[in-house]
mmCIF file of all heavy atoms, coordinates in Angstrom:
data_MODEL
# 
_entry.id   MODEL 
# 
loop_
_atom_site.group_PDB 
_atom_site.id 
_atom_site.type_symbol 
_atom_site.label_atom_id 
_atom_site.label_alt_id 
_atom_site.label_comp_id 
_atom_site.label_asym_id 
_atom_site.label_entity_id 
_atom_site.label_seq_id 
_atom_site.pdbx_PDB_ins_code 
_atom_site.Cartn_x 
_atom_site.Cartn_y 
_atom_site.Cartn_z 
_atom_site.occupancy 
_atom_site.B_iso_or_equiv 
_atom_site.pdbx_formal_charge 
_atom_site.auth_seq_id 
_atom_site.auth_comp_id 
_atom_site.auth_asym_id 
_atom_site.auth_atom_id 
_atom_site.pdbx_PDB_model_num 
ATOM 1   N N   . LEU A 1 1  ? -35.105 -83.418 135.148 1.00 0.00 ? 1  LEU A N   1 
ATOM 2   C CA  . LEU A 1 1  ? -35.795 -82.332 134.671 1.00 0.00 ? 1  LEU A CA  1 
ATOM 3   C C   . LEU A 1 1  ? -35.990 -82.454 133.136 1.00 0.00 ? 1  LEU A C   1 
ATOM 4   O O   . LEU A 1 1  ? -35.010 -82.661 132.421 1.00 0.00 ? 1  LEU A O   1 
ATOM 5   C CB  . LEU A 1 1  ? -35.077 -81.016 134.951 1.00 0.00 ? 1  LEU A CB  1 
ATOM 6   C CG  . LEU A 1 1  ? -34.781 -80.738 136.411 1.00 0.00 ? 1  LEU A CG  1 
ATOM 7   C CD1 . LEU A 1 1  ? -34.038 -79.311 136.567 1.00 0.00 ? 1  LEU A CD1 1 
ATOM 8   C CD2 . LEU A 1 1  ? -36.157 -80.589 137.134 1.00 0.00 ? 1  LEU A CD2 1 
ATOM 9   N N   . SER A 1 2  ? -37.171 -82.209 132.658 1.00 0.00 ? 2  SER A N   1 
ATOM 10  C CA  . SER A 1 2  ? -37.455 -82.343 131.263 1.00 0.00 ? 2  SER A CA  1 
ATOM 11  C C   . SER A 1 2  ? -38.200 -81.151 130.693 1.00 0.00 ? 2  SER A C   1 
ATOM 12  O O   . SER A 1 2  ? -38.532 -80.248 131.451 1.00 0.00 ? 2  SER A O   1 
ATOM 13  C CB  . SER A 1 2  ? -38.209 -83.775 130.970 1.00 0.00 ? 2  SER A CB  1 
ATOM 14  O OG  . SER A 1 2  ? -39.330 -83.802 131.703 1.00 0.00 ? 2  SER A OG  1 
ATOM 15  N N   . ASP A 1 3  ? -38.626 -81.276 129.430 1.00 0.00 ? 3  ASP A N   1 
ATOM 16  C CA  . ASP A 1 3  ? -39.240 -80.111 128.773 1.00 0.00 ? 3  ASP A CA  1 
ATOM 17  C C   . ASP A 1 3  ? -38.477 -78.874 128.771 1.00 0.00 ? 3  ASP A C   1 
ATOM 18  O O   . ASP A 1 3  ? -38.948 -77.755 128.960 1.00 0.00 ? 3  ASP A O   1 
ATOM 19  C CB  . ASP A 1 3  ? -40.621 -79.724 129.390 1.00 0.00 ? 3  ASP A CB  1 
ATOM 20  C CG  . ASP A 1 3  ? -41.669 -80.892 129.267 1.00 0.00 ? 3  ASP A CG  1 
ATOM 21  O OD1 . ASP A 1 3  ? -41.544 -81.654 128.249 1.00 0.00 ? 3  ASP A OD1 1 
ATOM 22  O OD2 . ASP A 1 3  ? -42.510 -81.071 130.072 1.00 0.00 ? 3  ASP A OD2 1 
ATOM 23  N N   . LEU A 1 4  ? -37.088 -79.025 128.608 1.00 0.00 ? 4  LEU A N   1 
ATOM 24  C CA  . LEU A 1 4  ? -36.163 -77.925 128.629 1.00 0.00 ? 4  LEU A CA  1 
ATOM 25  C C   . LEU A 1 4  ? -35.930 -77.422 127.103 1.00 0.00 ? 4  LEU A C   1 
ATOM 26  O O   . LEU A 1 4  ? -36.185 -78.182 126.190 1.00 0.00 ? 4  LEU A O   1 
ATOM 27  C CB  . LEU A 1 4  ? -34.887 -78.314 129.263 1.00 0.00 ? 4  LEU A CB  1 
ATOM 28  C CG  . LEU A 1 4  ? -35.067 -78.902 130.591 1.00 0.00 ? 4  LEU A CG  1 
ATOM 29  C CD1 . LEU A 1 4  ? -33.741 -79.359 131.211 1.00 0.00 ? 4  LEU A CD1 1 
ATOM 30  C CD2 . LEU A 1 4  ? -35.700 -77.910 131.607 1.00 0.00 ? 4  LEU A CD2 1 
ATOM 31  N N   . ALA A 1 5  ? -35.403 -76.235 127.001 1.00 0.00 ? 5  ALA A N   1 
ATOM 32  C CA  . ALA A 1 5  ? -35.045 -75.689 125.777 1.00 0.00 ? 5  ALA A CA  1 
ATOM 33  C C   . ALA A 1 5  ? -33.678 -76.226 125.290 1.00 0.00 ? 5  ALA A C   1 
ATOM 34  O O   . ALA A 1 5  ? -32.775 -76.252 126.209 1.00 0.00 ? 5  ALA A O   1 
ATOM 35  C CB  . ALA A 1 5  ? -35.088 -74.201 125.770 1.00 0.00 ? 5  ALA A CB  1 
ATOM 36  N N   . PRO A 1 6  ? -33.519 -76.487 124.056 1.00 0.00 ? 6  PRO A N   1 
ATOM 37  C CA  . PRO A 1 6  ? -32.126 -76.912 123.593 1.00 0.00 ? 6  PRO A CA  1 
ATOM 38  C C   . PRO A 1 6  ? -31.090 -75.765 123.597 1.00 0.00 ? 6  PRO A C   1 
ATOM 39  O O   . PRO A 1 6  ? -31.486 -74.598 123.489 1.00 0.00 ? 6  PRO A O   1 
ATOM 40  C CB  . PRO A 1 6  ? -32.367 -77.402 122.176 1.00 0.00 ? 6  PRO A CB  1 
ATOM 41  C CG  . PRO A 1 6  ? -33.582 -76.715 121.654 1.00 0.00 ? 6  PRO A CG  1 
ATOM 42  C CD  . PRO A 1 6  ? -34.435 -76.504 122.935 1.00 0.00 ? 6  PRO A CD  1 
ATOM 43  N N   . GLU A 1 7  ? -29.886 -76.160 123.730 1.00 0.00 ? 7  GLU A N   1 
ATOM 44  C CA  . GLU A 1 7  ? -28.766 -75.144 123.642 1.00 0.00 ? 7  GLU A CA  1 
ATOM 45  C C   . GLU A 1 7  ? -28.972 -74.014 124.628 1.00 0.00 ? 7  GLU A C   1 
ATOM 46  O O   . GLU A 1 7  ? -28.869 -72.829 124.228 1.00 0.00 ? 7  GLU A O   1 
ATOM 47  C CB  . GLU A 1 7  ? -28.471 -74.631 122.223 1.00 0.00 ? 7  GLU A CB  1 
ATOM 48  C CG  . GLU A 1 7  ? -27.828 -75.567 121.347 1.00 0.00 ? 7  GLU A CG  1 
ATOM 49  C CD  . GLU A 1 7  ? -27.402 -74.992 120.023 1.00 0.00 ? 7  GLU A CD  1 
ATOM 50  O OE1 . GLU A 1 7  ? -28.259 -74.908 119.110 1.00 0.00 ? 7  GLU A OE1 1 
ATOM 51  O OE2 . GLU A 1 7  ? -26.197 -74.576 119.966 1.00 0.00 ? 7  GLU A OE2 1 
ATOM 52  N N   . THR A 1 8  ? -29.396 -74.361 125.815 1.00 0.00 ? 8  THR A N   1 
ATOM 53  C CA  . THR A 1 8  ? -29.678 -73.250 126.869 1.00 0.00 ? 8  THR A CA  1 
ATOM 54  C C   . THR A 1 8  ? -28.932 -73.682 128.106 1.00 0.00 ? 8  THR A C   1 
ATOM 55  O O   . THR A 1 8  ? -28.938 -74.835 128.526 1.00 0.00 ? 8  THR A O   1 
ATOM 56  C CB  . THR A 1 8  ? -31.194 -73.281 127.081 1.00 0.00 ? 8  THR A CB  1 
ATOM 57  O OG1 . THR A 1 8  ? -31.854 -73.019 125.799 1.00 0.00 ? 8  THR A OG1 1 
ATOM 58  C CG2 . THR A 1 8  ? -31.612 -72.192 128.027 1.00 0.00 ? 8  THR A CG2 1 
ATOM 59  N N   . THR A 1 9  ? -28.445 -72.593 128.815 1.00 0.00 ? 9  THR A N   1 
ATOM 60  C CA  . THR A 1 9  ? -27.851 -72.830 130.070 1.00 0.00 ? 9  THR A CA  1 
ATOM 61  C C   . THR A 1 9  ? -28.794 -72.523 131.154 1.00 0.00 ? 9  THR A C   1 
ATOM 62  O O   . THR A 1 9  ? -29.402 -71.490 131.211 1.00 0.00 ? 9  THR A O   1 
ATOM 63  C CB  . THR A 1 9  ? -26.504 -71.913 130.215 1.00 0.00 ? 9  THR A CB  1 
ATOM 64  O OG1 . THR A 1 9  ? -25.632 -72.212 129.114 1.00 0.00 ? 9  THR A OG1 1 
ATOM 65  C CG2 . THR A 1 9  ? -25.845 -72.140 131.523 1.00 0.00 ? 9  THR A CG2 1 
ATOM 66  N N   . TYR A 1 10 ? -28.971 -73.503 131.981 1.00 0.00 ? 10 TYR A N   1 
ATOM 67  C CA  . TYR A 1 10 ? -29.909 -73.420 133.213 1.00 0.00 ? 10 TYR A CA  1 
ATOM 68  C C   . TYR A 1 10 ? -29.056 -73.111 134.354 1.00 0.00 ? 10 TYR A C   1 
ATOM 69  O O   . TYR A 1 10 ? -28.142 -73.915 134.717 1.00 0.00 ? 10 TYR A O   1 
ATOM 70  C CB  . TYR A 1 10 ? -30.745 -74.646 133.338 1.00 0.00 ? 10 TYR A CB  1 
ATOM 71  C CG  . TYR A 1 10 ? -31.849 -74.678 132.216 1.00 0.00 ? 10 TYR A CG  1 
ATOM 72  C CD1 . TYR A 1 10 ? -31.657 -75.211 130.864 1.00 0.00 ? 10 TYR A CD1 1 
ATOM 73  C CD2 . TYR A 1 10 ? -33.152 -74.156 132.560 1.00 0.00 ? 10 TYR A CD2 1 
ATOM 74  C CE1 . TYR A 1 10 ? -32.614 -75.232 130.004 1.00 0.00 ? 10 TYR A CE1 1 
ATOM 75  C CE2 . TYR A 1 10 ? -34.127 -74.251 131.540 1.00 0.00 ? 10 TYR A CE2 1 
ATOM 76  C CZ  . TYR A 1 10 ? -33.901 -74.637 130.308 1.00 0.00 ? 10 TYR A CZ  1 
ATOM 77  O OH  . TYR A 1 10 ? -34.866 -74.629 129.373 1.00 0.00 ? 10 TYR A OH  1 
ATOM 78  N N   . GLU A 1 11 ? -29.549 -72.188 135.268 1.00 0.00 ? 11 GLU A N   1 
ATOM 79  C CA  . GLU A 1 11 ? -29.141 -72.007 136.623 1.00 0.00 ? 11 GLU A CA  1 
ATOM 80  C C   . GLU A 1 11 ? -30.009 -72.861 137.490 1.00 0.00 ? 11 GLU A C   1 
ATOM 81  O O   . GLU A 1 11 ? -31.251 -72.708 137.513 1.00 0.00 ? 11 GLU A O   1 
ATOM 82  C CB  . GLU A 1 11 ? -29.210 -70.615 136.997 1.00 0.00 ? 11 GLU A CB  1 
ATOM 83  C CG  . GLU A 1 11 ? -28.531 -69.662 136.081 1.00 0.00 ? 11 GLU A CG  1 
ATOM 84  C CD  . GLU A 1 11 ? -26.968 -69.605 136.201 1.00 0.00 ? 11 GLU A CD  1 
ATOM 85  O OE1 . GLU A 1 11 ? -26.482 -70.095 137.339 1.00 0.00 ? 11 GLU A OE1 1 
ATOM 86  O OE2 . GLU A 1 11 ? -26.370 -68.975 135.411 1.00 0.00 ? 11 GLU A OE2 1 
ATOM 87  N N   . VAL A 1 12 ? -29.472 -73.780 138.246 1.00 0.00 ? 12 VAL A N   1 
ATOM 88  C CA  . VAL A 1 12 ? -30.202 -74.692 139.097 1.00 0.00 ? 12 VAL A CA  1 
ATOM 89  C C   . VAL A 1 12 ? -29.786 -74.476 140.492 1.00 0.00 ? 12 VAL A C   1 
ATOM 90  O O   . VAL A 1 12 ? -28.574 -74.457 140.869 1.00 0.00 ? 12 VAL A O   1 
ATOM 91  C CB  . VAL A 1 12 ? -29.965 -76.161 138.710 1.00 0.00 ? 12 VAL A CB  1 
ATOM 92  C CG1 . VAL A 1 12 ? -30.714 -77.115 139.547 1.00 0.00 ? 12 VAL A CG1 1 
ATOM 93  C CG2 . VAL A 1 12 ? -30.175 -76.379 137.216 1.00 0.00 ? 12 VAL A CG2 1 
ATOM 94  N N   . ALA A 1 13 ? -30.735 -74.401 141.452 1.00 0.00 ? 13 ALA A N   1 
ATOM 95  C CA  . ALA A 1 13 ? -30.494 -74.235 142.883 1.00 0.00 ? 13 ALA A CA  1 
ATOM 96  C C   . ALA A 1 13 ? -31.326 -75.380 143.706 1.00 0.00 ? 13 ALA A C   1 
ATOM 97  O O   . ALA A 1 13 ? -32.508 -75.464 143.395 1.00 0.00 ? 13 ALA A O   1 
ATOM 98  C CB  . ALA A 1 13 ? -30.866 -72.831 143.371 1.00 0.00 ? 13 ALA A CB  1 
ATOM 99  N N   . LEU A 1 14 ? -30.603 -76.028 144.451 1.00 0.00 ? 14 LEU A N   1 
ATOM 100 C CA  . LEU A 1 14 ? -31.233 -77.041 145.346 1.00 0.00 ? 14 LEU A CA  1 
ATOM 101 C C   . LEU A 1 14 ? -31.162 -76.482 146.716 1.00 0.00 ? 14 LEU A C   1 
ATOM 102 O O   . LEU A 1 14 ? -30.095 -76.289 147.304 1.00 0.00 ? 14 LEU A O   1 
ATOM 103 C CB  . LEU A 1 14 ? -30.488 -78.388 145.308 1.00 0.00 ? 14 LEU A CB  1 
ATOM 104 C CG  . LEU A 1 14 ? -31.118 -79.506 146.125 1.00 0.00 ? 14 LEU A CG  1 
ATOM 105 C CD1 . LEU A 1 14 ? -32.338 -80.113 145.460 1.00 0.00 ? 14 LEU A CD1 1 
ATOM 106 C CD2 . LEU A 1 14 ? -30.051 -80.570 146.397 1.00 0.00 ? 14 LEU A CD2 1 
ATOM 107 N N   . ILE A 1 15 ? -32.344 -76.211 147.316 1.00 0.00 ? 15 ILE A N   1 
ATOM 108 C CA  . ILE A 1 15 ? -32.439 -75.649 148.643 1.00 0.00 ? 15 ILE A CA  1 
ATOM 109 C C   . ILE A 1 15 ? -33.004 -76.692 149.658 1.00 0.00 ? 15 ILE A C   1 
ATOM 110 O O   . ILE A 1 15 ? -34.159 -77.075 149.579 1.00 0.00 ? 15 ILE A O   1 
ATOM 111 C CB  . ILE A 1 15 ? -33.334 -74.469 148.664 1.00 0.00 ? 15 ILE A CB  1 
ATOM 112 C CG1 . ILE A 1 15 ? -32.852 -73.406 147.561 1.00 0.00 ? 15 ILE A CG1 1 
ATOM 113 C CG2 . ILE A 1 15 ? -33.402 -73.757 150.040 1.00 0.00 ? 15 ILE A CG2 1 
ATOM 114 C CD1 . ILE A 1 15 ? -33.891 -72.580 146.968 1.00 0.00 ? 15 ILE A CD1 1 
ATOM 115 N N   . PRO A 1 16 ? -32.125 -77.184 150.450 1.00 0.00 ? 16 PRO A N   1 
ATOM 116 C CA  . PRO A 1 16 ? -32.591 -78.140 151.531 1.00 0.00 ? 16 PRO A CA  1 
ATOM 117 C C   . PRO A 1 16 ? -33.386 -77.509 152.592 1.00 0.00 ? 16 PRO A C   1 
ATOM 118 O O   . PRO A 1 16 ? -32.915 -76.558 153.225 1.00 0.00 ? 16 PRO A O   1 
ATOM 119 C CB  . PRO A 1 16 ? -31.301 -78.771 152.087 1.00 0.00 ? 16 PRO A CB  1 
ATOM 120 C CG  . PRO A 1 16 ? -30.213 -78.403 151.182 1.00 0.00 ? 16 PRO A CG  1 
ATOM 121 C CD  . PRO A 1 16 ? -30.622 -77.073 150.633 1.00 0.00 ? 16 PRO A CD  1 
ATOM 122 N N   . GLU A 1 17 ? -34.674 -77.875 152.713 1.00 0.00 ? 17 GLU A N   1 
ATOM 123 C CA  . GLU A 1 17 ? -35.594 -77.291 153.665 1.00 0.00 ? 17 GLU A CA  1 
ATOM 124 C C   . GLU A 1 17 ? -35.682 -78.217 154.864 1.00 0.00 ? 17 GLU A C   1 
ATOM 125 O O   . GLU A 1 17 ? -36.494 -79.154 154.984 1.00 0.00 ? 17 GLU A O   1 
ATOM 126 C CB  . GLU A 1 17 ? -37.003 -77.033 153.111 1.00 0.00 ? 17 GLU A CB  1 
ATOM 127 C CG  . GLU A 1 17 ? -36.919 -76.309 151.739 1.00 0.00 ? 17 GLU A CG  1 
ATOM 128 C CD  . GLU A 1 17 ? -36.899 -74.777 151.949 1.00 0.00 ? 17 GLU A CD  1 
ATOM 129 O OE1 . GLU A 1 17 ? -36.758 -74.318 153.114 1.00 0.00 ? 17 GLU A OE1 1 
ATOM 130 O OE2 . GLU A 1 17 ? -36.868 -74.136 150.866 1.00 0.00 ? 17 GLU A OE2 1 
ATOM 131 N N   . SER A 1 18 ? -34.658 -78.057 155.773 1.00 0.00 ? 18 SER A N   1 
ATOM 132 C CA  . SER A 1 18 ? -34.526 -79.049 156.876 1.00 0.00 ? 18 SER A CA  1 
ATOM 133 C C   . SER A 1 18 ? -35.189 -78.502 158.134 1.00 0.00 ? 18 SER A C   1 
ATOM 134 O O   . SER A 1 18 ? -35.095 -77.264 158.363 1.00 0.00 ? 18 SER A O   1 
ATOM 135 C CB  . SER A 1 18 ? -33.088 -79.333 157.119 1.00 0.00 ? 18 SER A CB  1 
ATOM 136 O OG  . SER A 1 18 ? -32.881 -80.055 158.369 1.00 0.00 ? 18 SER A OG  1 
ATOM 137 N N   . ASN A 1 19 ? -35.805 -79.355 158.949 1.00 0.00 ? 19 ASN A N   1 
ATOM 138 C CA  . ASN A 1 19 ? -36.350 -78.835 160.193 1.00 0.00 ? 19 ASN A CA  1 
ATOM 139 C C   . ASN A 1 19 ? -35.390 -79.131 161.339 1.00 0.00 ? 19 ASN A C   1 
ATOM 140 O O   . ASN A 1 19 ? -35.677 -79.009 162.502 1.00 0.00 ? 19 ASN A O   1 
ATOM 141 C CB  . ASN A 1 19 ? -37.778 -79.424 160.483 1.00 0.00 ? 19 ASN A CB  1 
ATOM 142 C CG  . ASN A 1 19 ? -37.735 -80.898 160.250 1.00 0.00 ? 19 ASN A CG  1 
ATOM 143 O OD1 . ASN A 1 19 ? -36.735 -81.644 160.487 1.00 0.00 ? 19 ASN A OD1 1 
ATOM 144 N ND2 . ASN A 1 19 ? -38.966 -81.462 159.949 1.00 0.00 ? 19 ASN A ND2 1 
ATOM 145 N N   . VAL A 1 20 ? -34.153 -79.586 160.883 1.00 0.00 ? 20 VAL A N   1 
ATOM 146 C CA  . VAL A 1 20 ? -33.171 -79.962 161.986 1.00 0.00 ? 20 VAL A CA  1 
ATOM 147 C C   . VAL A 1 20 ? -31.868 -79.078 161.893 1.00 0.00 ? 20 VAL A C   1 
ATOM 148 O O   . VAL A 1 20 ? -31.472 -78.384 162.887 1.00 0.00 ? 20 VAL A O   1 
ATOM 149 C CB  . VAL A 1 20 ? -32.748 -81.457 161.839 1.00 0.00 ? 20 VAL A CB  1 
ATOM 150 C CG1 . VAL A 1 20 ? -31.804 -81.862 162.962 1.00 0.00 ? 20 VAL A CG1 1 
ATOM 151 C CG2 . VAL A 1 20 ? -33.963 -82.400 161.804 1.00 0.00 ? 20 VAL A CG2 1 
ATOM 152 N N   . HIS A 1 21 ? -31.309 -79.027 160.611 1.00 0.00 ? 21 HIS A N   1 
ATOM 153 C CA  . HIS A 1 21 ? -30.147 -78.269 160.527 1.00 0.00 ? 21 HIS A CA  1 
ATOM 154 C C   . HIS A 1 21 ? -30.334 -77.327 159.363 1.00 0.00 ? 21 HIS A C   1 
ATOM 155 O O   . HIS A 1 21 ? -31.246 -77.409 158.545 1.00 0.00 ? 21 HIS A O   1 
ATOM 156 C CB  . HIS A 1 21 ? -28.940 -79.176 159.991 1.00 0.00 ? 21 HIS A CB  1 
ATOM 157 C CG  . HIS A 1 21 ? -28.570 -80.161 160.947 1.00 0.00 ? 21 HIS A CG  1 
ATOM 158 N ND1 . HIS A 1 21 ? -27.802 -79.901 162.083 1.00 0.00 ? 21 HIS A ND1 1 
ATOM 159 C CD2 . HIS A 1 21 ? -28.773 -81.556 160.964 1.00 0.00 ? 21 HIS A CD2 1 
ATOM 160 C CE1 . HIS A 1 21 ? -27.734 -81.054 162.743 1.00 0.00 ? 21 HIS A CE1 1 
ATOM 161 N NE2 . HIS A 1 21 ? -28.264 -82.023 162.098 1.00 0.00 ? 21 HIS A NE2 1 
ATOM 162 N N   . TYR A 1 22 ? -29.463 -76.243 159.283 1.00 0.00 ? 22 TYR A N   1 
ATOM 163 C CA  . TYR A 1 22 ? -29.465 -75.390 158.149 1.00 0.00 ? 22 TYR A CA  1 
ATOM 164 C C   . TYR A 1 22 ? -28.389 -75.960 157.180 1.00 0.00 ? 22 TYR A C   1 
ATOM 165 O O   . TYR A 1 22 ? -27.264 -76.200 157.527 1.00 0.00 ? 22 TYR A O   1 
ATOM 166 C CB  . TYR A 1 22 ? -29.018 -73.884 158.622 1.00 0.00 ? 22 TYR A CB  1 
ATOM 167 C CG  . TYR A 1 22 ? -28.747 -73.152 157.349 1.00 0.00 ? 22 TYR A CG  1 
ATOM 168 C CD1 . TYR A 1 22 ? -29.736 -72.644 156.586 1.00 0.00 ? 22 TYR A CD1 1 
ATOM 169 C CD2 . TYR A 1 22 ? -27.479 -72.846 156.956 1.00 0.00 ? 22 TYR A CD2 1 
ATOM 170 C CE1 . TYR A 1 22 ? -29.495 -71.880 155.371 1.00 0.00 ? 22 TYR A CE1 1 
ATOM 171 C CE2 . TYR A 1 22 ? -27.151 -72.089 155.823 1.00 0.00 ? 22 TYR A CE2 1 
ATOM 172 C CZ  . TYR A 1 22 ? -28.228 -71.657 155.072 1.00 0.00 ? 22 TYR A CZ  1 
ATOM 173 O OH  . TYR A 1 22 ? -27.936 -70.970 153.924 1.00 0.00 ? 22 TYR A OH  1 
ATOM 174 N N   . PHE A 1 23 ? -28.902 -76.135 155.968 1.00 0.00 ? 23 PHE A N   1 
ATOM 175 C CA  . PHE A 1 23 ? -27.954 -76.424 154.846 1.00 0.00 ? 23 PHE A CA  1 
ATOM 176 C C   . PHE A 1 23 ? -27.966 -75.411 153.822 1.00 0.00 ? 23 PHE A C   1 
ATOM 177 O O   . PHE A 1 23 ? -28.967 -74.875 153.454 1.00 0.00 ? 23 PHE A O   1 
ATOM 178 C CB  . PHE A 1 23 ? -28.460 -77.773 154.175 1.00 0.00 ? 23 PHE A CB  1 
ATOM 179 C CG  . PHE A 1 23 ? -28.305 -79.032 155.070 1.00 0.00 ? 23 PHE A CG  1 
ATOM 180 C CD1 . PHE A 1 23 ? -29.464 -79.529 155.645 1.00 0.00 ? 23 PHE A CD1 1 
ATOM 181 C CD2 . PHE A 1 23 ? -27.076 -79.637 155.258 1.00 0.00 ? 23 PHE A CD2 1 
ATOM 182 C CE1 . PHE A 1 23 ? -29.416 -80.654 156.452 1.00 0.00 ? 23 PHE A CE1 1 
ATOM 183 C CE2 . PHE A 1 23 ? -27.062 -80.771 156.018 1.00 0.00 ? 23 PHE A CE2 1 
ATOM 184 C CZ  . PHE A 1 23 ? -28.206 -81.297 156.614 1.00 0.00 ? 23 PHE A CZ  1 
ATOM 185 N N   . PRO A 1 24 ? -26.733 -74.916 153.392 1.00 0.00 ? 24 PRO A N   1 
ATOM 186 C CA  . PRO A 1 24 ? -26.786 -73.916 152.403 1.00 0.00 ? 24 PRO A CA  1 
ATOM 187 C C   . PRO A 1 24 ? -27.314 -74.481 151.029 1.00 0.00 ? 24 PRO A C   1 
ATOM 188 O O   . PRO A 1 24 ? -27.183 -75.652 150.769 1.00 0.00 ? 24 PRO A O   1 
ATOM 189 C CB  . PRO A 1 24 ? -25.305 -73.441 152.269 1.00 0.00 ? 24 PRO A CB  1 
ATOM 190 C CG  . PRO A 1 24 ? -24.551 -74.631 152.813 1.00 0.00 ? 24 PRO A CG  1 
ATOM 191 C CD  . PRO A 1 24 ? -25.452 -75.317 153.806 1.00 0.00 ? 24 PRO A CD  1 
ATOM 192 N N   . PRO A 1 25 ? -27.943 -73.563 150.233 1.00 0.00 ? 25 PRO A N   1 
ATOM 193 C CA  . PRO A 1 25 ? -28.361 -74.084 148.985 1.00 0.00 ? 25 PRO A CA  1 
ATOM 194 C C   . PRO A 1 25 ? -27.177 -74.491 148.147 1.00 0.00 ? 25 PRO A C   1 
ATOM 195 O O   . PRO A 1 25 ? -26.058 -74.037 148.305 1.00 0.00 ? 25 PRO A O   1 
ATOM 196 C CB  . PRO A 1 25 ? -29.031 -72.848 148.325 1.00 0.00 ? 25 PRO A CB  1 
ATOM 197 C CG  . PRO A 1 25 ? -29.271 -71.877 149.423 1.00 0.00 ? 25 PRO A CG  1 
ATOM 198 C CD  . PRO A 1 25 ? -28.251 -72.172 150.528 1.00 0.00 ? 25 PRO A CD  1 
# 
């Protein structure tokens, strides 16, 4: 991930969009 602001805390969530199983974010 680029073009971010300096000295900033980012909250990041990865959400697996599976058509087989449910994976929690």
